[in-house]
Amino acid sequence: MIKISSKKTLAVCPICKKNKENSQEKYCKNHNAAKKLLKPGYLSWLKAYGSVSWDEFLKRLLDLEGLVGDFIKEIVEYEFYFQ
């Protein structure tokens, strides 16, 4: 949290440290949007590759250097390594 005054604090994204628009959300709007794309992406991988665990999906995304957007990569790294 960033202290603005003695009464008000702004919540920040734990990944990029930018202010969150909604303090109820865990991440900033960009990282929230990236996280929301992970589940549909995972379901698409399940259809294409059969049985793939969530952790294996995240590992494979990290191996796709240059083919995965920065926000996706950052959210995957954070979710995989810090959760």
Protein backbone atom coordinates (compact mmCIF):
# COMPACT_ATOMS: atom_id res chain seq x y z
CA MET A 1 0.00 0.00 0.00
CA ILE A 2 1.14 3.53 -0.73
CA LYS A 3 0.27 6.05 1.93
CA ILE A 4 -1.24 9.21 0.42
CA SER A 5 -2.21 10.96 3.62
CA SER A 6 -2.91 10.01 7.18
CA LYS A 7 -6.41 8.87 6.16
CA LYS A 8 -6.12 7.46 2.64
CA THR A 9 -4.04 4.65 1.15
CA LEU A 10 -3.97 3.27 -2.37
CA ALA A 11 -3.66 -0.43 -3.00
CA VAL A 12 -1.01 -1.42 -5.52
CA CYS A 13 -0.57 -4.40 -7.78
CA PRO A 14 1.90 -6.86 -6.21
CA ILE A 15 3.49 -7.44 -9.64
CA CYS A 16 4.02 -3.99 -11.16
CA LYS A 17 3.35 -1.80 -8.11
CA LYS A 18 0.92 0.39 -10.07
CA ASN A 19 -2.18 1.65 -8.33
CA LYS A 20 -5.17 -0.64 -8.58
CA GLU A 21 -8.38 0.97 -9.83
CA ASN A 22 -10.40 -1.29 -7.56
CA SER A 23 -8.93 -2.04 -4.15
CA GLN A 24 -11.01 -5.24 -4.00
CA GLU A 25 -9.07 -6.69 -6.94
CA LYS A 26 -5.78 -8.48 -6.38
CA TYR A 27 -4.01 -6.96 -9.41
CA CYS A 28 -4.01 -3.83 -11.60
CA LYS A 29 -6.38 -3.77 -14.57
CA ASN A 30 -3.75 -5.12 -17.00
CA HIS A 31 -2.73 -8.04 -14.82
CA ASN A 32 -6.39 -8.76 -13.98
CA ALA A 33 -7.18 -8.90 -17.69
CA ALA A 34 -4.24 -11.26 -18.24
CA LYS A 35 -5.36 -13.53 -15.41
CA LYS A 36 -8.90 -13.70 -16.84
CA LEU A 37 -7.43 -15.01 -20.11
CA LEU A 38 -5.64 -17.90 -18.42
CA LYS A 39 -8.69 -20.09 -17.73
CA PRO A 40 -10.09 -19.95 -21.30
CA GLY A 41 -6.56 -20.57 -22.58
CA TYR A 42 -6.20 -23.56 -20.29
CA LEU A 43 -9.52 -24.98 -21.48
CA SER A 44 -8.36 -24.59 -25.09
CA TRP A 45 -5.14 -26.46 -24.26
CA LEU A 46 -7.15 -29.25 -22.64
CA LYS A 47 -9.14 -29.67 -25.85
CA ALA A 48 -6.02 -29.60 -28.00
CA TYR A 49 -3.60 -31.62 -25.88
CA GLY A 50 -5.81 -33.73 -23.65
CA SER A 51 -4.84 -34.05 -20.02
CA VAL A 52 -2.61 -31.13 -18.99
CA SER A 53 -2.36 -30.09 -15.34
CA TRP A 54 -2.74 -26.43 -14.42
CA ASP A 55 0.91 -26.31 -13.28
CA GLU A 56 2.11 -27.92 -16.50
CA PHE A 57 0.07 -25.39 -18.50
CA LEU A 58 1.71 -22.52 -16.60
CA LYS A 59 5.18 -24.01 -17.11
CA ARG A 60 4.57 -24.42 -20.82
CA LEU A 61 3.41 -20.82 -21.13
CA LEU A 62 6.67 -19.66 -19.57
CA ASP A 63 8.58 -21.74 -22.12
CA LEU A 64 6.87 -19.94 -25.02
CA GLU A 65 9.26 -17.00 -25.00
CA GLY A 66 8.29 -14.29 -27.44
CA LEU A 67 4.88 -15.89 -28.04
CA VAL A 68 3.25 -14.90 -24.75
CA GLY A 69 2.50 -11.29 -23.85
CA ASP A 70 4.33 -9.58 -21.01
CA PHE A 71 1.28 -9.32 -18.74
CA ILE A 72 0.47 -13.00 -19.22
CA LYS A 73 4.07 -13.97 -18.51
CA GLU A 74 4.19 -11.77 -15.40
CA ILE A 75 0.91 -13.09 -14.00
CA VAL A 76 1.97 -16.69 -14.69
CA GLU A 77 5.32 -16.16 -12.98
CA TYR A 78 3.66 -14.53 -9.99
CA GLU A 79 0.86 -17.09 -9.70
CA PHE A 80 3.17 -20.06 -10.22
CA TYR A 81 6.04 -19.00 -8.01
CA PHE A 82 4.29 -17.03 -5.27
CA GLN A 83 1.07 -18.94 -4.70
